[in-house]
Amino acid sequence: MTLFHSVLEVDQLAMKYLALKIVFDIFMVFNFVEEKQEQEPASEEGWLAYPEVISKVISMQKTFLNHSDQDILACAVEGFCKLLFLDRLPKDHLDVLCHLILLFFNARTEENEHIRQILAMFFPYYVNLKDDDGKYGNRELVAVCFMPCLRTISYANVDSPFCNVNIVSFAEFMLTLLTEDISELKKLGKKKKYRLRGRSSETAKAHRG
């Protein structure tokens, strides 16, 4: 993994793309998650985490969710969607999930049909995955992401890719993800393009000004 981490740092886009795709494929086949024990001897509880070298690679991969190259960005989006779906992100899942939600409303990805289709398919099925107890635990994660994403959009500057996001459309999208009716979720990619024109919040405009 150290080798792939070094390749991800090089300047050549083709090498970055290839290494990024290979590492995501490795993470999908092999589960490197391990249980860490609490430092207190009296405690038998632990938590799941990646080894340090794997965590460094994951941190490097997360930076590509902000990459300017659309192909590399699409590769990162697709890879992280798969890792979330397989529950292979024990530590960074909330941060990655927030990134993916915001990318769905990012003006820079509006013309990238590949990224939009990936996210439009991912969110409905992700929130309807049941955990071992038969509960929709991923909906709680989406609910936790609601306010951080809303703040990012509400207080976006005029030069931000979120400055023209319709806050009502965003809130409607998030609340729809939390519904129990999967038939409603499947309509997200069909009925609405979420092209994000115009703001409905005067307060948000005031903050940007």
N, C-alpha and C. Protein backbone atom coordinates (compact mmCIF):
# COMPACT_ATOMS: atom_id res chain seq x y z
N MET A 1 0.81 -1.21 0.00
CA MET A 1 0.00 0.00 0.00
C MET A 1 0.86 1.27 0.00
N THR A 2 2.05 1.16 0.54
CA THR A 2 2.96 2.30 0.53
C THR A 2 3.29 2.71 -0.89
N LEU A 3 3.45 1.72 -1.77
CA LEU A 3 3.73 2.00 -3.17
C LEU A 3 2.59 2.76 -3.82
N PHE A 4 1.36 2.31 -3.58
CA PHE A 4 0.20 2.98 -4.17
C PHE A 4 0.05 4.40 -3.60
N HIS A 5 0.36 4.57 -2.32
CA HIS A 5 0.30 5.90 -1.72
C HIS A 5 1.26 6.85 -2.41
N SER A 6 2.45 6.33 -2.76
CA SER A 6 3.44 7.15 -3.45
C SER A 6 2.99 7.50 -4.87
N VAL A 7 2.36 6.52 -5.54
CA VAL A 7 1.89 6.77 -6.91
C VAL A 7 0.77 7.81 -6.91
N LEU A 8 -0.08 7.79 -5.89
CA LEU A 8 -1.17 8.75 -5.81
C LEU A 8 -0.67 10.18 -5.62
N GLU A 9 0.58 10.32 -5.23
CA GLU A 9 1.15 11.65 -5.02
C GLU A 9 1.83 12.21 -6.25
N VAL A 10 2.01 11.39 -7.29
CA VAL A 10 2.70 11.87 -8.49
C VAL A 10 1.80 12.82 -9.28
N ASP A 11 2.41 13.53 -10.23
CA ASP A 11 1.68 14.55 -10.98
C ASP A 11 0.95 13.99 -12.20
N GLN A 12 1.32 12.83 -12.68
CA GLN A 12 0.71 12.29 -13.89
C GLN A 12 -0.70 11.79 -13.60
N LEU A 13 -1.69 12.38 -14.30
CA LEU A 13 -3.09 12.04 -14.06
C LEU A 13 -3.39 10.58 -14.38
N ALA A 14 -2.78 10.08 -15.46
CA ALA A 14 -3.05 8.69 -15.85
C ALA A 14 -2.59 7.72 -14.77
N MET A 15 -1.44 7.98 -14.17
CA MET A 15 -0.92 7.13 -13.10
C MET A 15 -1.80 7.23 -11.86
N LYS A 16 -2.24 8.44 -11.55
CA LYS A 16 -3.13 8.62 -10.40
C LYS A 16 -4.43 7.86 -10.58
N TYR A 17 -5.01 8.00 -11.77
CA TYR A 17 -6.29 7.34 -12.04
C TYR A 17 -6.16 5.83 -11.91
N LEU A 18 -5.10 5.26 -12.49
CA LEU A 18 -4.89 3.82 -12.45
C LEU A 18 -4.68 3.33 -11.02
N ALA A 19 -3.84 4.04 -10.27
CA ALA A 19 -3.57 3.65 -8.88
C ALA A 19 -4.83 3.77 -8.02
N LEU A 20 -5.59 4.83 -8.24
CA LEU A 20 -6.81 5.04 -7.47
C LEU A 20 -7.80 3.91 -7.70
N LYS A 21 -7.97 3.53 -8.95
CA LYS A 21 -8.90 2.46 -9.29
C LYS A 21 -8.45 1.12 -8.72
N ILE A 22 -7.15 0.84 -8.80
CA ILE A 22 -6.62 -0.42 -8.28
C ILE A 22 -6.81 -0.51 -6.77
N VAL A 23 -6.52 0.58 -6.06
CA VAL A 23 -6.64 0.56 -4.60
C VAL A 23 -8.09 0.34 -4.19
N PHE A 24 -9.03 1.00 -4.86
CA PHE A 24 -10.45 0.78 -4.54
C PHE A 24 -10.83 -0.68 -4.78
N ASP A 25 -10.34 -1.25 -5.86
CA ASP A 25 -10.64 -2.66 -6.15
C ASP A 25 -10.07 -3.57 -5.07
N ILE A 26 -8.88 -3.25 -4.58
CA ILE A 26 -8.26 -4.05 -3.51
C ILE A 26 -9.10 -3.97 -2.24
N PHE A 27 -9.57 -2.76 -1.91
CA PHE A 27 -10.38 -2.59 -0.70
C PHE A 27 -11.72 -3.33 -0.80
N MET A 28 -12.22 -3.47 -2.01
CA MET A 28 -13.48 -4.18 -2.18
C MET A 28 -13.31 -5.69 -2.02
N VAL A 29 -12.15 -6.21 -2.40
CA VAL A 29 -11.90 -7.64 -2.32
C VAL A 29 -11.43 -8.04 -0.92
N PHE A 30 -10.54 -7.23 -0.34
CA PHE A 30 -9.96 -7.54 0.97
C PHE A 30 -10.45 -6.55 2.01
N ASN A 31 -10.91 -7.09 3.12
CA ASN A 31 -11.37 -6.24 4.21
C ASN A 31 -10.24 -6.06 5.22
N PHE A 32 -9.63 -4.88 5.22
CA PHE A 32 -8.49 -4.61 6.11
C PHE A 32 -8.93 -4.08 7.47
N VAL A 33 -10.23 -3.97 7.68
CA VAL A 33 -10.72 -3.44 8.95
C VAL A 33 -10.37 -4.40 10.08
N GLU A 34 -9.86 -3.86 11.17
CA GLU A 34 -9.52 -4.68 12.33
C GLU A 34 -10.06 -4.04 13.59
N GLU A 35 -10.22 -4.83 14.63
CA GLU A 35 -10.76 -4.33 15.88
C GLU A 35 -9.64 -3.83 16.78
N LYS A 36 -9.79 -2.59 17.21
CA LYS A 36 -8.82 -2.00 18.14
C LYS A 36 -9.36 -2.10 19.56
N GLN A 37 -8.50 -2.38 20.51
CA GLN A 37 -8.91 -2.50 21.90
C GLN A 37 -8.69 -1.20 22.65
N GLU A 38 -9.57 -0.95 23.61
CA GLU A 38 -9.41 0.23 24.45
C GLU A 38 -8.12 0.11 25.26
N GLN A 39 -7.56 1.27 25.61
CA GLN A 39 -6.31 1.28 26.36
C GLN A 39 -6.51 0.81 27.80
N GLU A 40 -7.71 1.05 28.36
CA GLU A 40 -7.95 0.66 29.74
C GLU A 40 -8.04 -0.85 29.84
N PRO A 41 -7.23 -1.47 30.70
CA PRO A 41 -7.25 -2.93 30.84
C PRO A 41 -8.62 -3.46 31.25
N ALA A 42 -9.37 -2.68 32.03
CA ALA A 42 -10.65 -3.16 32.53
C ALA A 42 -11.72 -3.20 31.46
N SER A 43 -11.45 -2.54 30.36
CA SER A 43 -12.46 -2.47 29.30
C SER A 43 -12.22 -3.56 28.27
N GLU A 44 -13.29 -4.27 27.94
CA GLU A 44 -13.22 -5.32 26.93
C GLU A 44 -13.79 -4.84 25.59
N GLU A 45 -14.25 -3.62 25.57
CA GLU A 45 -14.86 -3.09 24.36
C GLU A 45 -13.78 -2.61 23.39
N GLY A 46 -14.09 -2.64 22.13
CA GLY A 46 -13.17 -2.17 21.12
C GLY A 46 -13.91 -1.43 20.04
N TRP A 47 -13.18 -1.01 19.00
CA TRP A 47 -13.80 -0.33 17.89
C TRP A 47 -13.09 -0.76 16.62
N LEU A 48 -13.78 -0.59 15.50
CA LEU A 48 -13.22 -1.00 14.22
C LEU A 48 -12.45 0.13 13.59
N ALA A 49 -11.32 -0.20 12.98
CA ALA A 49 -10.48 0.82 12.34
C ALA A 49 -9.55 0.13 11.35
N TYR A 50 -8.95 0.96 10.50
CA TYR A 50 -7.94 0.46 9.58
C TYR A 50 -6.56 0.53 10.23
N PRO A 51 -5.62 -0.33 9.81
CA PRO A 51 -4.22 -0.15 10.22
C PRO A 51 -3.71 1.21 9.74
N GLU A 52 -2.66 1.70 10.36
CA GLU A 52 -2.17 3.05 10.07
C GLU A 52 -1.84 3.26 8.61
N VAL A 53 -1.18 2.29 7.98
CA VAL A 53 -0.79 2.45 6.58
C VAL A 53 -2.01 2.51 5.67
N ILE A 54 -3.06 1.77 6.00
CA ILE A 54 -4.29 1.80 5.21
C ILE A 54 -5.01 3.12 5.42
N SER A 55 -4.99 3.62 6.65
CA SER A 55 -5.63 4.90 6.94
C SER A 55 -5.00 6.04 6.14
N LYS A 56 -3.70 5.98 5.96
CA LYS A 56 -3.01 7.00 5.18
C LYS A 56 -3.45 6.97 3.72
N VAL A 57 -3.62 5.76 3.19
CA VAL A 57 -4.08 5.63 1.81
C VAL A 57 -5.51 6.15 1.67
N ILE A 58 -6.37 5.83 2.63
CA ILE A 58 -7.76 6.31 2.61
C ILE A 58 -7.79 7.84 2.66
N SER A 59 -6.96 8.42 3.51
CA SER A 59 -6.90 9.88 3.61
C SER A 59 -6.46 10.50 2.29
N MET A 60 -5.51 9.87 1.63
CA MET A 60 -5.07 10.35 0.32
C MET A 60 -6.20 10.22 -0.70
N GLN A 61 -6.93 9.11 -0.67
CA GLN A 61 -8.03 8.91 -1.61
C GLN A 61 -9.14 9.95 -1.41
N LYS A 62 -9.38 10.34 -0.18
CA LYS A 62 -10.42 11.33 0.09
C LYS A 62 -10.14 12.67 -0.58
N THR A 63 -8.86 13.00 -0.75
CA THR A 63 -8.53 14.27 -1.38
C THR A 63 -9.01 14.33 -2.84
N PHE A 64 -9.19 13.17 -3.46
CA PHE A 64 -9.62 13.14 -4.86
C PHE A 64 -11.10 13.43 -5.02
N LEU A 65 -11.84 13.51 -3.91
CA LEU A 65 -13.24 13.92 -3.97
C LEU A 65 -13.36 15.42 -4.26
N ASN A 66 -12.24 16.12 -4.22
CA ASN A 66 -12.19 17.54 -4.56
C ASN A 66 -11.34 17.80 -5.80
N HIS A 67 -11.01 16.75 -6.54
CA HIS A 67 -10.10 16.89 -7.67
C HIS A 67 -10.79 17.58 -8.84
N SER A 68 -10.01 18.37 -9.56
CA SER A 68 -10.55 19.12 -10.69
C SER A 68 -10.77 18.26 -11.93
N ASP A 69 -10.01 17.17 -12.05
CA ASP A 69 -10.18 16.28 -13.20
C ASP A 69 -11.44 15.45 -13.03
N GLN A 70 -12.34 15.52 -13.99
CA GLN A 70 -13.64 14.87 -13.87
C GLN A 70 -13.54 13.34 -13.87
N ASP A 71 -12.59 12.78 -14.59
CA ASP A 71 -12.43 11.32 -14.61
C ASP A 71 -11.94 10.79 -13.27
N ILE A 72 -10.96 11.48 -12.70
CA ILE A 72 -10.45 11.07 -11.39
C ILE A 72 -11.52 11.27 -10.32
N LEU A 73 -12.26 12.37 -10.43
CA LEU A 73 -13.34 12.63 -9.48
C LEU A 73 -14.40 11.53 -9.57
N ALA A 74 -14.76 11.14 -10.78
CA ALA A 74 -15.75 10.08 -10.97
C ALA A 74 -15.26 8.76 -10.40
N CYS A 75 -13.97 8.48 -10.57
CA CYS A 75 -13.39 7.25 -10.03
C CYS A 75 -13.46 7.25 -8.50
N ALA A 76 -13.15 8.40 -7.89
CA ALA A 76 -13.21 8.51 -6.44
C ALA A 76 -14.64 8.37 -5.93
N VAL A 77 -15.58 9.00 -6.61
CA VAL A 77 -16.99 8.92 -6.22
C VAL A 77 -17.48 7.48 -6.28
N GLU A 78 -17.22 6.82 -7.40
CA GLU A 78 -17.66 5.43 -7.56
C GLU A 78 -17.01 4.53 -6.52
N GLY A 79 -15.72 4.71 -6.28
CA GLY A 79 -15.01 3.88 -5.32
C GLY A 79 -15.54 4.03 -3.91
N PHE A 80 -15.76 5.27 -3.48
CA PHE A 80 -16.23 5.50 -2.12
C PHE A 80 -17.69 5.07 -1.95
N CYS A 81 -18.48 5.18 -2.99
CA CYS A 81 -19.86 4.67 -2.92
C CYS A 81 -19.85 3.17 -2.65
N LYS A 82 -18.96 2.46 -3.32
CA LYS A 82 -18.87 1.01 -3.13
C LYS A 82 -18.37 0.67 -1.73
N LEU A 83 -17.38 1.43 -1.23
CA LEU A 83 -16.86 1.16 0.11
C LEU A 83 -17.91 1.43 1.18
N LEU A 84 -18.69 2.49 1.00
CA LEU A 84 -19.78 2.77 1.94
C LEU A 84 -20.83 1.67 1.89
N PHE A 85 -21.14 1.24 0.68
CA PHE A 85 -22.16 0.21 0.52
C PHE A 85 -21.72 -1.10 1.18
N LEU A 86 -20.41 -1.39 1.15
CA LEU A 86 -19.87 -2.60 1.75
C LEU A 86 -19.46 -2.41 3.21
N ASP A 87 -19.69 -1.20 3.73
CA ASP A 87 -19.34 -0.88 5.12
C ASP A 87 -17.85 -1.09 5.37
N ARG A 88 -17.03 -0.55 4.48
CA ARG A 88 -15.58 -0.67 4.60
C ARG A 88 -14.92 0.64 5.04
N LEU A 89 -15.72 1.57 5.55
CA LEU A 89 -15.16 2.83 6.04
C LEU A 89 -15.57 3.02 7.50
N PRO A 90 -14.91 2.34 8.42
CA PRO A 90 -15.33 2.39 9.82
C PRO A 90 -15.12 3.74 10.50
N LYS A 91 -14.20 4.55 9.97
CA LYS A 91 -13.84 5.80 10.66
C LYS A 91 -14.25 7.04 9.88
N ASP A 92 -14.10 7.03 8.57
CA ASP A 92 -14.29 8.23 7.76
C ASP A 92 -15.63 8.25 7.02
N HIS A 93 -16.57 7.40 7.42
CA HIS A 93 -17.80 7.28 6.64
C HIS A 93 -18.63 8.57 6.63
N LEU A 94 -18.69 9.28 7.75
CA LEU A 94 -19.49 10.50 7.78
C LEU A 94 -18.88 11.59 6.91
N ASP A 95 -17.58 11.74 6.98
CA ASP A 95 -16.89 12.75 6.18
C ASP A 95 -17.08 12.46 4.69
N VAL A 96 -16.90 11.20 4.30
CA VAL A 96 -17.07 10.82 2.90
C VAL A 96 -18.51 11.00 2.46
N LEU A 97 -19.45 10.62 3.31
CA LEU A 97 -20.86 10.74 2.97
C LEU A 97 -21.26 12.19 2.75
N CYS A 98 -20.76 13.09 3.59
CA CYS A 98 -21.01 14.52 3.41
C CYS A 98 -20.46 15.01 2.07
N HIS A 99 -19.27 14.55 1.73
CA HIS A 99 -18.66 14.93 0.45
C HIS A 99 -19.54 14.48 -0.72
N LEU A 100 -20.05 13.26 -0.64
CA LEU A 100 -20.86 12.73 -1.74
C LEU A 100 -22.18 13.47 -1.87
N ILE A 101 -22.80 13.81 -0.74
CA ILE A 101 -24.05 14.56 -0.78
C ILE A 101 -23.83 15.93 -1.41
N LEU A 102 -22.77 16.59 -1.01
CA LEU A 102 -22.49 17.92 -1.56
C LEU A 102 -22.11 17.84 -3.04
N LEU A 103 -21.43 16.78 -3.44
CA LEU A 103 -21.09 16.63 -4.85
C LEU A 103 -22.33 16.49 -5.71
N PHE A 104 -23.37 15.90 -5.16
CA PHE A 104 -24.62 15.74 -5.89
C PHE A 104 -25.26 17.09 -6.18
N PHE A 105 -24.92 18.09 -5.37
CA PHE A 105 -25.46 19.44 -5.55
C PHE A 105 -24.40 20.43 -6.02
N ASN A 106 -23.23 19.94 -6.33
CA ASN A 106 -22.14 20.80 -6.76
C ASN A 106 -22.32 21.18 -8.23
N ALA A 107 -22.28 22.47 -8.53
CA ALA A 107 -22.47 22.93 -9.91
C ALA A 107 -21.40 22.40 -10.84
N ARG A 108 -20.23 22.07 -10.31
CA ARG A 108 -19.13 21.58 -11.15
C ARG A 108 -19.37 20.16 -11.65
N THR A 109 -20.29 19.43 -11.02
CA THR A 109 -20.60 18.07 -11.48
C THR A 109 -21.93 18.02 -12.23
N GLU A 110 -22.53 19.18 -12.46
CA GLU A 110 -23.86 19.22 -13.06
C GLU A 110 -23.88 18.60 -14.45
N GLU A 111 -22.82 18.79 -15.23
CA GLU A 111 -22.77 18.27 -16.59
C GLU A 111 -22.11 16.89 -16.66
N ASN A 112 -21.66 16.39 -15.53
CA ASN A 112 -21.04 15.07 -15.51
C ASN A 112 -22.12 14.02 -15.21
N GLU A 113 -22.69 13.47 -16.27
CA GLU A 113 -23.80 12.54 -16.11
C GLU A 113 -23.36 11.27 -15.38
N HIS A 114 -22.11 10.87 -15.56
CA HIS A 114 -21.63 9.66 -14.91
C HIS A 114 -21.67 9.80 -13.39
N ILE A 115 -21.15 10.91 -12.88
CA ILE A 115 -21.15 11.13 -11.43
C ILE A 115 -22.57 11.26 -10.90
N ARG A 116 -23.40 12.03 -11.60
CA ARG A 116 -24.78 12.22 -11.14
C ARG A 116 -25.55 10.91 -11.13
N GLN A 117 -25.35 10.06 -12.13
CA GLN A 117 -26.05 8.78 -12.17
C GLN A 117 -25.58 7.85 -11.06
N ILE A 118 -24.27 7.85 -10.79
CA ILE A 118 -23.75 7.03 -9.69
C ILE A 118 -24.40 7.43 -8.37
N LEU A 119 -24.42 8.72 -8.09
CA LEU A 119 -24.97 9.20 -6.83
C LEU A 119 -26.48 9.02 -6.76
N ALA A 120 -27.16 9.23 -7.88
CA ALA A 120 -28.62 9.07 -7.90
C ALA A 120 -29.03 7.63 -7.63
N MET A 121 -28.19 6.68 -8.03
CA MET A 121 -28.47 5.27 -7.77
C MET A 121 -28.00 4.87 -6.38
N PHE A 122 -26.91 5.47 -5.91
CA PHE A 122 -26.32 5.06 -4.63
C PHE A 122 -27.19 5.43 -3.44
N PHE A 123 -27.60 6.68 -3.35
CA PHE A 123 -28.29 7.15 -2.15
C PHE A 123 -29.55 6.36 -1.79
N PRO A 124 -30.47 6.10 -2.74
CA PRO A 124 -31.69 5.36 -2.37
C PRO A 124 -31.41 3.97 -1.81
N TYR A 125 -30.47 3.27 -2.40
CA TYR A 125 -30.20 1.92 -1.93
C TYR A 125 -29.35 1.90 -0.68
N TYR A 126 -28.51 2.91 -0.51
CA TYR A 126 -27.69 2.99 0.70
C TYR A 126 -28.55 3.19 1.94
N VAL A 127 -29.53 4.08 1.85
CA VAL A 127 -30.36 4.35 3.02
C VAL A 127 -31.34 3.23 3.31
N ASN A 128 -31.49 2.29 2.37
CA ASN A 128 -32.42 1.18 2.60
C ASN A 128 -31.70 -0.13 2.92
N LEU A 129 -30.39 -0.06 3.15
CA LEU A 129 -29.67 -1.24 3.63
C LEU A 129 -30.00 -1.46 5.11
N LYS A 130 -30.28 -2.70 5.46
CA LYS A 130 -30.57 -3.02 6.85
C LYS A 130 -29.33 -3.57 7.53
N ASP A 131 -29.16 -3.23 8.80
CA ASP A 131 -28.03 -3.75 9.56
C ASP A 131 -28.38 -5.12 10.15
N ASP A 132 -27.51 -5.63 11.01
CA ASP A 132 -27.73 -6.96 11.58
C ASP A 132 -28.97 -7.03 12.46
N ASP A 133 -29.40 -5.88 12.96
CA ASP A 133 -30.60 -5.83 13.80
C ASP A 133 -31.87 -5.58 13.00
N GLY A 134 -31.73 -5.52 11.67
CA GLY A 134 -32.90 -5.28 10.84
C GLY A 134 -33.33 -3.83 10.79
N LYS A 135 -32.44 -2.91 11.20
CA LYS A 135 -32.76 -1.49 11.20
C LYS A 135 -32.04 -0.78 10.06
N TYR A 136 -32.59 0.39 9.71
CA TYR A 136 -31.99 1.20 8.64
C TYR A 136 -30.96 2.14 9.26
N GLY A 137 -29.83 1.60 9.65
CA GLY A 137 -28.82 2.40 10.34
C GLY A 137 -28.22 3.49 9.49
N ASN A 138 -28.17 3.29 8.17
CA ASN A 138 -27.56 4.30 7.31
C ASN A 138 -28.38 5.58 7.24
N ARG A 139 -29.67 5.47 7.53
CA ARG A 139 -30.49 6.69 7.54
C ARG A 139 -30.07 7.62 8.66
N GLU A 140 -29.62 7.04 9.76
CA GLU A 140 -29.12 7.87 10.86
C GLU A 140 -27.86 8.61 10.44
N LEU A 141 -27.02 7.95 9.65
CA LEU A 141 -25.80 8.61 9.16
C LEU A 141 -26.15 9.77 8.24
N VAL A 142 -27.13 9.55 7.36
CA VAL A 142 -27.57 10.61 6.46
C VAL A 142 -28.14 11.78 7.26
N ALA A 143 -28.90 11.46 8.31
CA ALA A 143 -29.48 12.50 9.16
C ALA A 143 -28.39 13.33 9.85
N VAL A 144 -27.31 12.67 10.26
CA VAL A 144 -26.19 13.39 10.89
C VAL A 144 -25.53 14.34 9.90
N CYS A 145 -25.52 13.95 8.62
CA CYS A 145 -24.89 14.79 7.59
C CYS A 145 -25.75 15.98 7.18
N PHE A 146 -27.01 15.96 7.56
CA PHE A 146 -27.94 16.98 7.08
C PHE A 146 -27.49 18.40 7.44
N MET A 147 -27.23 18.65 8.71
CA MET A 147 -26.90 20.01 9.14
C MET A 147 -25.55 20.49 8.62
N PRO A 148 -24.47 19.67 8.65
CA PRO A 148 -23.21 20.16 8.08
C PRO A 148 -23.34 20.52 6.60
N CYS A 149 -24.06 19.70 5.85
CA CYS A 149 -24.24 20.00 4.42
C CYS A 149 -25.11 21.24 4.22
N LEU A 150 -26.13 21.37 5.05
CA LEU A 150 -27.00 22.54 4.95
C LEU A 150 -26.24 23.82 5.25
N ARG A 151 -25.36 23.78 6.24
CA ARG A 151 -24.56 24.97 6.57
C ARG A 151 -23.62 25.32 5.42
N THR A 152 -23.02 24.30 4.81
CA THR A 152 -22.13 24.55 3.69
C THR A 152 -22.85 25.25 2.55
N ILE A 153 -24.06 24.83 2.27
CA ILE A 153 -24.84 25.41 1.19
C ILE A 153 -25.39 26.78 1.57
N SER A 154 -25.87 26.91 2.79
CA SER A 154 -26.50 28.16 3.22
C SER A 154 -25.52 29.32 3.27
N TYR A 155 -24.30 29.05 3.67
CA TYR A 155 -23.31 30.10 3.84
C TYR A 155 -22.27 30.11 2.73
N ALA A 156 -22.63 29.58 1.58
CA ALA A 156 -21.71 29.54 0.45
C ALA A 156 -21.46 30.95 -0.09
N ASN A 157 -20.22 31.25 -0.45
CA ASN A 157 -19.87 32.53 -1.04
C ASN A 157 -20.34 32.60 -2.49
N VAL A 158 -20.30 33.80 -3.05
CA VAL A 158 -20.79 33.99 -4.41
C VAL A 158 -19.95 33.23 -5.43
N ASP A 159 -18.69 32.94 -5.12
CA ASP A 159 -17.85 32.20 -6.05
C ASP A 159 -17.83 30.70 -5.75
N SER A 160 -18.68 30.27 -4.84
CA SER A 160 -18.76 28.86 -4.48
C SER A 160 -19.64 28.10 -5.46
N PRO A 161 -19.34 26.83 -5.74
CA PRO A 161 -20.21 26.03 -6.62
C PRO A 161 -21.57 25.74 -6.00
N PHE A 162 -21.75 26.12 -4.73
CA PHE A 162 -23.04 25.90 -4.06
C PHE A 162 -23.87 27.17 -3.95
N CYS A 163 -23.40 28.27 -4.54
CA CYS A 163 -24.07 29.56 -4.33
C CYS A 163 -25.46 29.60 -4.93
N ASN A 164 -25.75 28.79 -5.95
CA ASN A 164 -27.06 28.80 -6.58
C ASN A 164 -27.92 27.59 -6.23
N VAL A 165 -27.51 26.85 -5.23
CA VAL A 165 -28.30 25.69 -4.82
C VAL A 165 -29.60 26.15 -4.17
N ASN A 166 -30.68 25.57 -4.60
CA ASN A 166 -31.98 25.86 -4.00
C ASN A 166 -32.08 25.09 -2.68
N ILE A 167 -32.12 25.82 -1.58
CA ILE A 167 -32.10 25.19 -0.26
C ILE A 167 -33.33 24.32 -0.04
N VAL A 168 -34.47 24.74 -0.56
CA VAL A 168 -35.68 23.94 -0.42
C VAL A 168 -35.54 22.60 -1.14
N SER A 169 -34.96 22.62 -2.33
CA SER A 169 -34.74 21.38 -3.08
C SER A 169 -33.77 20.47 -2.34
N PHE A 170 -32.74 21.07 -1.75
CA PHE A 170 -31.78 20.27 -0.99
C PHE A 170 -32.46 19.62 0.22
N ALA A 171 -33.22 20.41 0.97
CA ALA A 171 -33.90 19.87 2.15
C ALA A 171 -34.89 18.78 1.76
N GLU A 172 -35.60 19.00 0.66
CA GLU A 172 -36.55 18.01 0.19
C GLU A 172 -35.84 16.70 -0.17
N PHE A 173 -34.70 16.82 -0.83
CA PHE A 173 -33.92 15.64 -1.20
C PHE A 173 -33.49 14.87 0.04
N MET A 174 -32.96 15.57 1.04
CA MET A 174 -32.48 14.90 2.25
C MET A 174 -33.63 14.24 3.00
N LEU A 175 -34.76 14.93 3.10
CA LEU A 175 -35.90 14.35 3.81
C LEU A 175 -36.47 13.15 3.06
N THR A 176 -36.40 13.19 1.74
CA THR A 176 -36.87 12.05 0.96
C THR A 176 -36.00 10.84 1.20
N LEU A 177 -34.69 11.05 1.40
CA LEU A 177 -33.80 9.93 1.70
C LEU A 177 -34.15 9.26 3.02
N LEU A 178 -34.77 10.01 3.91
CA LEU A 178 -35.08 9.48 5.24
C LEU A 178 -36.46 8.84 5.31
N THR A 179 -37.18 8.82 4.19
CA THR A 179 -38.50 8.22 4.19
C THR A 179 -38.38 6.71 4.20
N GLU A 180 -39.44 6.05 4.61
CA GLU A 180 -39.43 4.58 4.65
C GLU A 180 -39.97 3.98 3.36
N ASP A 181 -40.45 4.80 2.46
CA ASP A 181 -41.05 4.31 1.23
C ASP A 181 -40.01 4.28 0.13
N ILE A 182 -39.48 3.10 -0.19
CA ILE A 182 -38.43 2.99 -1.20
C ILE A 182 -38.94 3.38 -2.57
N SER A 183 -40.25 3.25 -2.82
CA SER A 183 -40.79 3.63 -4.12
C SER A 183 -40.63 5.12 -4.35
N GLU A 184 -40.69 5.89 -3.27
CA GLU A 184 -40.49 7.33 -3.39
C GLU A 184 -39.03 7.63 -3.69
N LEU A 185 -38.12 6.86 -3.08
CA LEU A 185 -36.70 7.10 -3.30
C LEU A 185 -36.31 6.84 -4.74
N LYS A 186 -36.92 5.84 -5.36
CA LYS A 186 -36.57 5.49 -6.73
C LYS A 186 -36.98 6.58 -7.72
N LYS A 187 -37.86 7.48 -7.29
CA LYS A 187 -38.31 8.55 -8.16
C LYS A 187 -37.30 9.70 -8.23
N LEU A 188 -36.29 9.68 -7.34
CA LEU A 188 -35.34 10.79 -7.27
C LEU A 188 -34.63 11.01 -8.60
N GLY A 189 -34.17 9.93 -9.19
CA GLY A 189 -33.43 10.07 -10.44
C GLY A 189 -34.31 10.25 -11.66
N LYS A 190 -35.63 10.05 -11.51
CA LYS A 190 -36.53 10.12 -12.64
C LYS A 190 -37.28 11.45 -12.72
N LYS A 191 -37.79 11.89 -11.57
CA LYS A 191 -38.66 13.06 -11.59
C LYS A 191 -37.89 14.36 -11.54
N LYS A 192 -36.72 14.35 -10.86
CA LYS A 192 -36.03 15.62 -10.63
C LYS A 192 -34.59 15.51 -11.05
N LYS A 193 -34.13 16.50 -11.73
CA LYS A 193 -32.73 16.57 -12.16
C LYS A 193 -31.87 17.28 -11.12
N TYR A 194 -32.51 18.03 -10.21
CA TYR A 194 -31.79 18.82 -9.23
C TYR A 194 -30.74 19.69 -9.91
N ARG A 195 -31.19 20.48 -10.85
CA ARG A 195 -30.27 21.33 -11.59
C ARG A 195 -29.91 22.59 -10.80
N LEU A 196 -30.59 22.78 -9.68
CA LEU A 196 -30.12 23.70 -8.66
C LEU A 196 -30.05 25.15 -9.11
N ARG A 197 -31.12 25.62 -9.67
CA ARG A 197 -31.13 27.02 -10.11
C ARG A 197 -31.85 27.88 -9.08
N GLY A 198 -31.17 28.92 -8.64
CA GLY A 198 -31.82 29.92 -7.81
C GLY A 198 -31.90 29.54 -6.35
N ARG A 199 -31.96 30.53 -5.49
CA ARG A 199 -32.08 30.33 -4.06
C ARG A 199 -33.46 30.76 -3.61
N SER A 200 -33.93 30.11 -2.57
CA SER A 200 -35.21 30.50 -2.01
C SER A 200 -35.03 31.10 -0.63
N SER A 201 -33.80 31.20 -0.18
CA SER A 201 -33.52 31.70 1.15
C SER A 201 -32.88 33.07 1.08
N GLU A 202 -33.62 34.08 1.53
CA GLU A 202 -33.09 35.44 1.55
C GLU A 202 -31.97 35.55 2.57
N THR A 203 -32.06 34.77 3.65
CA THR A 203 -31.01 34.80 4.67
C THR A 203 -29.69 34.35 4.09
N ALA A 204 -29.73 33.29 3.27
CA ALA A 204 -28.50 32.79 2.67
C ALA A 204 -27.89 33.84 1.76
N LYS A 205 -28.73 34.56 1.01
CA LYS A 205 -28.22 35.61 0.15
C LYS A 205 -27.54 36.70 0.96
N ALA A 206 -28.13 37.04 2.10
CA ALA A 206 -27.56 38.08 2.93
C ALA A 206 -26.19 37.69 3.45
N HIS A 207 -26.04 36.41 3.81
CA HIS A 207 -24.75 35.96 4.31
C HIS A 207 -23.71 35.97 3.23
N ARG A 208 -24.10 35.66 1.99
CA ARG A 208 -23.13 35.67 0.90
C ARG A 208 -22.73 37.09 0.54
N GLY A 209 -23.66 38.02 0.73
CA GLY A 209 -23.34 39.39 0.40
C GLY A 209 -22.49 40.04 1.44
